[in-house]
Amino acid sequence: MIPRLTLIKTLRHELAVVAIFLASCAIQATALAPKQRVLAQTETPADNVFAQATTQLNQTASALGDAVKGKGDPAHVPLAIVANDLAPFWTAGQIGSLRAASELGAPVIFNAPIKPGDATAQSNIIGNFIKEGYKGIAFSAIDPASIQPIIQQGILQNIHFTTLDSDAPKTGRLIYIGTNNYNAGVAAAKALLQVLGSGGGKVVGLVGALTAQNAIDRVRGIKDTLKGTN
C-alpha cells in the first residue's frame, strides 16, 4: 500500500514539472518534434518507484528551469492548469504549480469544473484560456474525445498543451506526465487476487468518470489481469 502522503508529494512534484515544462515550451516558442513526445510516467505503483519518480521529477524541473534562463520574459508567459474537478486531491498540485510559478517568475492559474465529471465545463474553461491568450495549458482530461476539438483549436494558435493524471493522446498534446494507468490497473488486480486467495470471489470497482483515459486504462489493466481467474 502506498502512503497517501507519498502520493500527494508526487502529485505536487508532477504539477511543478508540468508548469515548468509549459513555460519552457512557451518561452522558447518551440514545440517538440513528434518523435520526442514520449510519456513521462511512473511505470509501477510501488513505494520505491514513487521515490525514484520524485527524484526524476525534481531533476527534470531543474533541467527545464535551466533551459529557459535568460530566454524571453517569463512574466509575459501566462500558464494554466485545468484539473478534472476541485477535489482536495488537487491541493498538492496547486502547491506544486505555485512553486514553479515562483521559481520561474511566470504567472500560473489553476482551475477546474465545480461539478465532477463536467466535460463541457472543462472544455469551456480551456476555451476561455485560449481566448485570453494563455501560452501553455495543462489539463487532466475528463473526456479525451469531446475535448479534442478545443485543444486542436488552441494548437493552431501556437498554444502548448500537456496532459497529466488523465491523458488525451489524440489531441496533439506535447506530452503526458503521470502514472502508467494500465500498469496501475494490473497492480490493483494482482493485489485483489492476493487478498481473495485461491477461493476467488466477485469484485467491484469504482471510478470517478468512465470517459476519463486513466479510468479506461486502469479498468482494462484490471480486466486483463483477472481474466481466467476465480
C-alpha atoms as a PDB file:
ATOM      1  CA  MET A   1       0.000   0.000   0.000  1.00  0.00           C
ATOM      2  CA  ILE A   2       1.384   3.431  -0.961  1.00  0.00           C
ATOM      3  CA  PRO A   3       1.160   6.058   1.796  1.00  0.00           C
ATOM      4  CA  ARG A   4      -1.252   8.887   0.920  1.00  0.00           C
ATOM      5  CA  LEU A   5       1.430  11.442   1.768  1.00  0.00           C
ATOM      6  CA  THR A   6       3.749   9.871  -0.809  1.00  0.00           C
ATOM      7  CA  LEU A   7       1.068  10.197  -3.494  1.00  0.00           C
ATOM      8  CA  ILE A   8       0.412  13.828  -2.543  1.00  0.00           C
ATOM      9  CA  LYS A   9       4.090  14.726  -2.648  1.00  0.00           C
ATOM     10  CA  THR A  10       4.478  13.025  -6.036  1.00  0.00           C
ATOM     11  CA  LEU A  11       1.497  14.924  -7.440  1.00  0.00           C
ATOM     12  CA  ARG A  12       2.972  18.157  -6.126  1.00  0.00           C
ATOM     13  CA  HIS A  13       6.237  17.488  -7.955  1.00  0.00           C
ATOM     14  CA  GLU A  14       4.382  16.464 -11.129  1.00  0.00           C
ATOM     15  CA  LEU A  15       2.456  19.740 -11.214  1.00  0.00           C
ATOM     16  CA  ALA A  16       5.654  21.713 -10.710  1.00  0.00           C
ATOM     17  CA  VAL A  17       7.227  19.906 -13.648  1.00  0.00           C
ATOM     18  CA  VAL A  18       4.090  20.491 -15.746  1.00  0.00           C
ATOM     19  CA  ALA A  19       4.247  24.225 -15.131  1.00  0.00           C
ATOM     20  CA  ILE A  20       7.963  24.425 -15.809  1.00  0.00           C
ATOM     21  CA  PHE A  21       7.616  22.294 -18.949  1.00  0.00           C
ATOM     22  CA  LEU A  22       4.862  24.529 -20.287  1.00  0.00           C
ATOM     23  CA  ALA A  23       6.933  27.604 -19.573  1.00  0.00           C
ATOM     24  CA  SER A  24       9.993  26.154 -21.298  1.00  0.00           C
ATOM     25  CA  CYS A  25       7.933  25.433 -24.431  1.00  0.00           C
ATOM     26  CA  ALA A  26       6.211  28.795 -24.443  1.00  0.00           C
ATOM     27  CA  ILE A  27       9.278  30.879 -23.641  1.00  0.00           C
ATOM     28  CA  GLN A  28      11.346  29.250 -26.337  1.00  0.00           C
ATOM     29  CA  ALA A  29       8.284  29.054 -28.637  1.00  0.00           C
ATOM     30  CA  THR A  30       9.357  25.678 -29.991  1.00  0.00           C
ATOM     31  CA  ALA A  31       7.167  22.575 -29.946  1.00  0.00           C
ATOM     32  CA  LEU A  32       8.633  19.105 -29.551  1.00  0.00           C
ATOM     33  CA  ALA A  33       9.053  17.009 -32.652  1.00  0.00           C
ATOM     34  CA  PRO A  34       6.628  14.054 -32.824  1.00  0.00           C
ATOM     35  CA  LYS A  35       9.368  11.530 -32.084  1.00  0.00           C
ATOM     36  CA  GLN A  36      10.139  13.384 -28.838  1.00  0.00           C
ATOM     37  CA  ARG A  37       6.611  13.125 -27.493  1.00  0.00           C
ATOM     38  CA  VAL A  38       7.418  10.385 -25.017  1.00  0.00           C
ATOM     39  CA  LEU A  39       5.396   9.652 -21.892  1.00  0.00           C
ATOM     40  CA  ALA A  40       6.966  10.839 -18.658  1.00  0.00           C
ATOM     41  CA  GLN A  41       5.261   8.454 -16.312  1.00  0.00           C
ATOM     42  CA  THR A  42       5.710   6.153 -13.363  1.00  0.00           C
ATOM     43  CA  GLU A  43       5.647   2.548 -14.566  1.00  0.00           C
ATOM     44  CA  THR A  44       4.639   0.598 -11.457  1.00  0.00           C
ATOM     45  CA  PRO A  45       2.848   1.949  -8.376  1.00  0.00           C
ATOM     46  CA  ALA A  46       5.319   0.839  -5.707  1.00  0.00           C
ATOM     47  CA  ASP A  47       6.977   2.827  -2.916  1.00  0.00           C
ATOM     48  CA  ASN A  48      10.471   2.668  -4.394  1.00  0.00           C
ATOM     49  CA  VAL A  49       9.226   3.685  -7.827  1.00  0.00           C
ATOM     50  CA  PHE A  50       7.438   6.718  -6.383  1.00  0.00           C
ATOM     51  CA  ALA A  51      10.659   7.716  -4.641  1.00  0.00           C
ATOM     52  CA  GLN A  52      12.547   7.364  -7.913  1.00  0.00           C
ATOM     53  CA  ALA A  53       9.818   9.302  -9.726  1.00  0.00           C
ATOM     54  CA  THR A  54      10.098  12.182  -7.261  1.00  0.00           C
ATOM     55  CA  THR A  55      13.842  12.352  -7.837  1.00  0.00           C
ATOM     56  CA  GLN A  56      13.397  12.233 -11.596  1.00  0.00           C
ATOM     57  CA  LEU A  57      10.703  14.917 -11.497  1.00  0.00           C
ATOM     58  CA  ASN A  58      12.962  17.209  -9.468  1.00  0.00           C
ATOM     59  CA  GLN A  59      15.808  16.635 -11.910  1.00  0.00           C
ATOM     60  CA  THR A  60      13.508  17.315 -14.858  1.00  0.00           C
ATOM     61  CA  ALA A  61      12.199  20.504 -13.269  1.00  0.00           C
ATOM     62  CA  SER A  62      15.750  21.734 -12.640  1.00  0.00           C
ATOM     63  CA  ALA A  63      16.863  20.927 -16.191  1.00  0.00           C
ATOM     64  CA  LEU A  64      13.853  22.675 -17.715  1.00  0.00           C
ATOM     65  CA  GLY A  65      14.308  25.676 -15.456  1.00  0.00           C
ATOM     66  CA  ASP A  66      17.961  25.962 -16.509  1.00  0.00           C
ATOM     67  CA  ALA A  67      16.958  25.646 -20.172  1.00  0.00           C
ATOM     68  CA  VAL A  68      14.824  28.797 -20.111  1.00  0.00           C
ATOM     69  CA  LYS A  69      17.096  31.047 -18.072  1.00  0.00           C
ATOM     70  CA  GLY A  70      17.766  34.226 -19.986  1.00  0.00           C
ATOM     71  CA  LYS A  71      15.405  33.264 -22.818  1.00  0.00           C
ATOM     72  CA  GLY A  72      12.385  35.504 -23.149  1.00  0.00           C
ATOM     73  CA  ASP A  73      10.408  37.120 -20.356  1.00  0.00           C
ATOM     74  CA  PRO A  74       8.557  34.615 -18.120  1.00  0.00           C
ATOM     75  CA  ALA A  75       6.375  37.412 -16.751  1.00  0.00           C
ATOM     76  CA  HIS A  76       4.668  37.543 -20.153  1.00  0.00           C
ATOM     77  CA  VAL A  77       4.103  33.789 -20.357  1.00  0.00           C
ATOM     78  CA  PRO A  78       0.780  33.077 -18.620  1.00  0.00           C
ATOM     79  CA  LEU A  79       0.178  29.389 -17.927  1.00  0.00           C
ATOM     80  CA  ALA A  80      -2.931  27.482 -16.865  1.00  0.00           C
ATOM     81  CA  ILE A  81      -3.560  24.097 -15.282  1.00  0.00           C
ATOM     82  CA  VAL A  82      -7.062  22.655 -15.597  1.00  0.00           C
ATOM     83  CA  ALA A  83      -7.937  19.718 -13.345  1.00  0.00           C
ATOM     84  CA  ASN A  84     -10.950  17.439 -13.693  1.00  0.00           C
ATOM     85  CA  ASP A  85     -12.649  18.752 -10.527  1.00  0.00           C
ATOM     86  CA  LEU A  86     -11.990  20.750  -7.351  1.00  0.00           C
ATOM     87  CA  ALA A  87     -11.419  17.743  -5.096  1.00  0.00           C
ATOM     88  CA  PRO A  88      -8.853  18.044  -2.252  1.00  0.00           C
ATOM     89  CA  PHE A  89      -6.756  15.549  -4.242  1.00  0.00           C
ATOM     90  CA  TRP A  90      -5.574  18.502  -6.350  1.00  0.00           C
ATOM     91  CA  THR A  91      -4.482  20.720  -3.446  1.00  0.00           C
ATOM     92  CA  ALA A  92      -0.953  19.350  -3.611  1.00  0.00           C
ATOM     93  CA  GLY A  93      -0.950  20.041  -7.335  1.00  0.00           C
ATOM     94  CA  GLN A  94      -1.871  23.656  -6.774  1.00  0.00           C
ATOM     95  CA  ILE A  95       1.016  23.969  -4.333  1.00  0.00           C
ATOM     96  CA  GLY A  96       3.390  22.485  -6.909  1.00  0.00           C
ATOM     97  CA  SER A  97       2.215  24.842  -9.649  1.00  0.00           C
ATOM     98  CA  LEU A  98       2.648  27.866  -7.366  1.00  0.00           C
ATOM     99  CA  ARG A  99       6.143  26.682  -6.502  1.00  0.00           C
ATOM    100  CA  ALA A 100       7.019  26.519 -10.181  1.00  0.00           C
ATOM    101  CA  ALA A 101       5.453  29.929 -10.823  1.00  0.00           C
ATOM    102  CA  SER A 102       7.568  31.423  -8.050  1.00  0.00           C
ATOM    103  CA  GLU A 103      10.762  29.851  -9.350  1.00  0.00           C
ATOM    104  CA  LEU A 104      10.143  30.874 -12.949  1.00  0.00           C
ATOM    105  CA  GLY A 105       8.521  34.240 -12.460  1.00  0.00           C
ATOM    106  CA  ALA A 106       5.727  33.119 -14.797  1.00  0.00           C
ATOM    107  CA  PRO A 107       2.057  33.558 -13.816  1.00  0.00           C
ATOM    108  CA  VAL A 108       0.223  30.251 -13.322  1.00  0.00           C
ATOM    109  CA  ILE A 109      -3.522  29.873 -12.695  1.00  0.00           C
ATOM    110  CA  PHE A 110      -5.215  26.679 -11.517  1.00  0.00           C
ATOM    111  CA  ASN A 111      -8.860  25.962 -12.355  1.00  0.00           C
ATOM    112  CA  ALA A 112     -11.348  23.077 -12.646  1.00  0.00           C
ATOM    113  CA  PRO A 113     -15.065  22.431 -13.125  1.00  0.00           C
ATOM    114  CA  ILE A 114     -17.098  22.763  -9.929  1.00  0.00           C
ATOM    115  CA  LYS A 115     -19.152  19.691 -10.818  1.00  0.00           C
ATOM    116  CA  PRO A 116     -17.082  16.471 -11.031  1.00  0.00           C
ATOM    117  CA  GLY A 117     -17.107  14.880 -14.467  1.00  0.00           C
ATOM    118  CA  ASP A 118     -18.408  18.004 -16.230  1.00  0.00           C
ATOM    119  CA  ALA A 119     -16.588  17.663 -19.564  1.00  0.00           C
ATOM    120  CA  THR A 120     -18.452  20.597 -21.118  1.00  0.00           C
ATOM    121  CA  ALA A 121     -17.402  22.923 -18.302  1.00  0.00           C
ATOM    122  CA  GLN A 122     -13.796  21.775 -18.654  1.00  0.00           C
ATOM    123  CA  SER A 123     -13.837  22.488 -22.392  1.00  0.00           C
ATOM    124  CA  ASN A 124     -15.290  25.941 -21.717  1.00  0.00           C
ATOM    125  CA  ILE A 125     -12.601  26.712 -19.131  1.00  0.00           C
ATOM    126  CA  ILE A 126      -9.863  25.721 -21.578  1.00  0.00           C
ATOM    127  CA  GLY A 127     -11.590  27.648 -24.374  1.00  0.00           C
ATOM    128  CA  ASN A 128     -11.595  30.801 -22.254  1.00  0.00           C
ATOM    129  CA  PHE A 129      -7.881  30.409 -21.514  1.00  0.00           C
ATOM    130  CA  ILE A 130      -7.248  30.094 -25.247  1.00  0.00           C
ATOM    131  CA  LYS A 131      -9.245  33.271 -25.961  1.00  0.00           C
ATOM    132  CA  GLU A 132      -7.361  35.146 -23.242  1.00  0.00           C
ATOM    133  CA  GLY A 133      -4.031  34.258 -24.836  1.00  0.00           C
ATOM    134  CA  TYR A 134      -2.501  31.845 -22.350  1.00  0.00           C
ATOM    135  CA  LYS A 135       0.744  30.430 -23.739  1.00  0.00           C
ATOM    136  CA  GLY A 136       0.641  26.971 -22.153  1.00  0.00           C
ATOM    137  CA  ILE A 137      -2.198  24.870 -20.761  1.00  0.00           C
ATOM    138  CA  ALA A 138      -2.008  21.552 -18.902  1.00  0.00           C
ATOM    139  CA  PHE A 139      -5.154  19.535 -18.270  1.00  0.00           C
ATOM    140  CA  SER A 140      -6.446  16.274 -16.836  1.00  0.00           C
ATOM    141  CA  ALA A 141      -8.975  15.188 -19.440  1.00  0.00           C
ATOM    142  CA  ILE A 142     -12.448  14.224 -18.274  1.00  0.00           C
ATOM    143  CA  ASP A 143     -13.340  13.066 -21.784  1.00  0.00           C
ATOM    144  CA  PRO A 144     -10.444  12.922 -24.290  1.00  0.00           C
ATOM    145  CA  ALA A 145     -12.822  12.653 -27.258  1.00  0.00           C
ATOM    146  CA  SER A 146     -15.027  15.665 -26.551  1.00  0.00           C
ATOM    147  CA  ILE A 147     -12.107  17.903 -25.591  1.00  0.00           C
ATOM    148  CA  GLN A 148     -10.140  17.194 -28.773  1.00  0.00           C
ATOM    149  CA  PRO A 149     -11.605  19.997 -30.968  1.00  0.00           C
ATOM    150  CA  ILE A 150     -10.879  22.795 -28.474  1.00  0.00           C
ATOM    151  CA  ILE A 151      -7.318  21.553 -27.897  1.00  0.00           C
ATOM    152  CA  GLN A 152      -6.596  21.387 -31.611  1.00  0.00           C
ATOM    153  CA  GLN A 153      -8.041  24.871 -31.997  1.00  0.00           C
ATOM    154  CA  GLY A 154      -5.571  26.091 -29.396  1.00  0.00           C
ATOM    155  CA  ILE A 155      -2.662  24.309 -31.071  1.00  0.00           C
ATOM    156  CA  LEU A 156      -3.436  26.216 -34.280  1.00  0.00           C
ATOM    157  CA  GLN A 157      -2.942  29.382 -32.224  1.00  0.00           C
ATOM    158  CA  ASN A 158       0.528  28.201 -31.121  1.00  0.00           C
ATOM    159  CA  ILE A 159      -0.572  27.324 -27.594  1.00  0.00           C
ATOM    160  CA  HIS A 160       1.320  24.459 -25.971  1.00  0.00           C
ATOM    161  CA  PHE A 161      -0.652  21.691 -24.253  1.00  0.00           C
ATOM    162  CA  THR A 162       0.339  18.889 -21.902  1.00  0.00           C
ATOM    163  CA  THR A 163      -1.771  16.351 -20.048  1.00  0.00           C
ATOM    164  CA  LEU A 164      -1.428  14.990 -16.526  1.00  0.00           C
ATOM    165  CA  ASP A 165      -3.236  12.390 -14.435  1.00  0.00           C
ATOM    166  CA  SER A 166      -5.609  11.526 -17.313  1.00  0.00           C
ATOM    167  CA  ASP A 167      -4.285  11.621 -20.870  1.00  0.00           C
ATOM    168  CA  ALA A 168      -5.850  12.717 -24.166  1.00  0.00           C
ATOM    169  CA  PRO A 169      -3.343  11.219 -26.617  1.00  0.00           C
ATOM    170  CA  LYS A 170      -5.206  12.056 -29.842  1.00  0.00           C
ATOM    171  CA  THR A 171      -5.486  15.787 -29.157  1.00  0.00           C
ATOM    172  CA  GLY A 172      -1.954  16.641 -30.293  1.00  0.00           C
ATOM    173  CA  ARG A 173      -0.750  17.446 -26.774  1.00  0.00           C
ATOM    174  CA  LEU A 174       3.018  17.587 -26.399  1.00  0.00           C
ATOM    175  CA  ILE A 175       3.485  15.146 -23.554  1.00  0.00           C
ATOM    176  CA  TYR A 176       1.696  13.259 -20.779  1.00  0.00           C
ATOM    177  CA  ILE A 177       3.109  13.421 -17.258  1.00  0.00           C
ATOM    178  CA  GLY A 178       1.668  10.917 -14.829  1.00  0.00           C
ATOM    179  CA  THR A 179       1.092   7.274 -13.931  1.00  0.00           C
ATOM    180  CA  ASN A 180       1.045   4.420 -16.406  1.00  0.00           C
ATOM    181  CA  ASN A 181      -2.589   3.694 -15.632  1.00  0.00           C
ATOM    182  CA  TYR A 182      -2.759   0.314 -17.373  1.00  0.00           C
ATOM    183  CA  ASN A 183       0.080  -0.932 -15.157  1.00  0.00           C
ATOM    184  CA  ALA A 184      -1.686   0.570 -12.149  1.00  0.00           C
ATOM    185  CA  GLY A 185      -4.762  -1.490 -13.026  1.00  0.00           C
ATOM    186  CA  VAL A 186      -2.648  -4.624 -13.343  1.00  0.00           C
ATOM    187  CA  ALA A 187      -1.101  -3.968  -9.931  1.00  0.00           C
ATOM    188  CA  ALA A 188      -4.545  -3.393  -8.383  1.00  0.00           C
ATOM    189  CA  ALA A 189      -5.844  -6.667  -9.813  1.00  0.00           C
ATOM    190  CA  LYS A 190      -2.837  -8.595  -8.532  1.00  0.00           C
ATOM    191  CA  ALA A 191      -3.432  -7.134  -5.074  1.00  0.00           C
ATOM    192  CA  LEU A 192      -7.071  -8.220  -5.275  1.00  0.00           C
ATOM    193  CA  LEU A 193      -6.086 -11.754  -6.243  1.00  0.00           C
ATOM    194  CA  GLN A 194      -3.677 -11.924  -3.352  1.00  0.00           C
ATOM    195  CA  VAL A 195      -6.330 -10.808  -0.876  1.00  0.00           C
ATOM    196  CA  LEU A 196      -9.019 -13.135  -2.272  1.00  0.00           C
ATOM    197  CA  GLY A 197      -6.741 -16.152  -2.277  1.00  0.00           C
ATOM    198  CA  SER A 198      -7.380 -19.415  -4.121  1.00  0.00           C
ATOM    199  CA  GLY A 199     -11.122 -19.272  -3.450  1.00  0.00           C
ATOM    200  CA  GLY A 200     -11.570 -16.198  -5.601  1.00  0.00           C
ATOM    201  CA  GLY A 201     -14.752 -14.153  -5.479  1.00  0.00           C
ATOM    202  CA  LYS A 202     -16.679 -11.300  -7.030  1.00  0.00           C
ATOM    203  CA  VAL A 203     -15.140  -7.807  -7.124  1.00  0.00           C
ATOM    204  CA  VAL A 204     -16.448  -4.358  -7.932  1.00  0.00           C
ATOM    205  CA  GLY A 205     -14.518  -1.233  -8.887  1.00  0.00           C
ATOM    206  CA  LEU A 206     -15.409   2.445  -8.532  1.00  0.00           C
ATOM    207  CA  VAL A 207     -14.070   5.197 -10.810  1.00  0.00           C
ATOM    208  CA  GLY A 208     -14.572   8.934 -10.967  1.00  0.00           C
ATOM    209  CA  ALA A 209     -15.514   9.169 -14.647  1.00  0.00           C
ATOM    210  CA  LEU A 210     -15.844   6.283 -17.086  1.00  0.00           C
ATOM    211  CA  THR A 211     -14.881   8.539 -20.021  1.00  0.00           C
ATOM    212  CA  ALA A 212     -11.517   9.519 -18.495  1.00  0.00           C
ATOM    213  CA  GLN A 213      -8.484   7.866 -20.077  1.00  0.00           C
ATOM    214  CA  ASN A 214      -6.939   6.994 -16.717  1.00  0.00           C
ATOM    215  CA  ALA A 215     -10.109   5.120 -15.717  1.00  0.00           C
ATOM    216  CA  ILE A 216     -10.307   3.382 -19.105  1.00  0.00           C
ATOM    217  CA  ASP A 217      -6.692   2.237 -18.877  1.00  0.00           C
ATOM    218  CA  ARG A 218      -6.946   1.093 -15.257  1.00  0.00           C
ATOM    219  CA  VAL A 219     -10.145  -0.880 -15.884  1.00  0.00           C
ATOM    220  CA  ARG A 220      -8.506  -2.531 -18.890  1.00  0.00           C
ATOM    221  CA  GLY A 221      -5.486  -3.487 -16.772  1.00  0.00           C
ATOM    222  CA  ILE A 222      -7.714  -4.962 -14.089  1.00  0.00           C
ATOM    223  CA  LYS A 223      -9.880  -6.917 -16.526  1.00  0.00           C
ATOM    224  CA  ASP A 224      -6.903  -8.299 -18.424  1.00  0.00           C
ATOM    225  CA  THR A 225      -5.288  -9.481 -15.195  1.00  0.00           C
ATOM    226  CA  LEU A 226      -8.444 -11.006 -13.725  1.00  0.00           C
ATOM    227  CA  LYS A 227      -9.370 -12.789 -16.951  1.00  0.00           C
ATOM    228  CA  GLY A 228      -9.466 -16.559 -16.435  1.00  0.00           C
ATOM    229  CA  THR A 229      -9.285 -16.362 -12.630  1.00  0.00           C
ATOM    230  CA  ASN A 230     -11.862 -17.259  -9.992  1.00  0.00           C
END
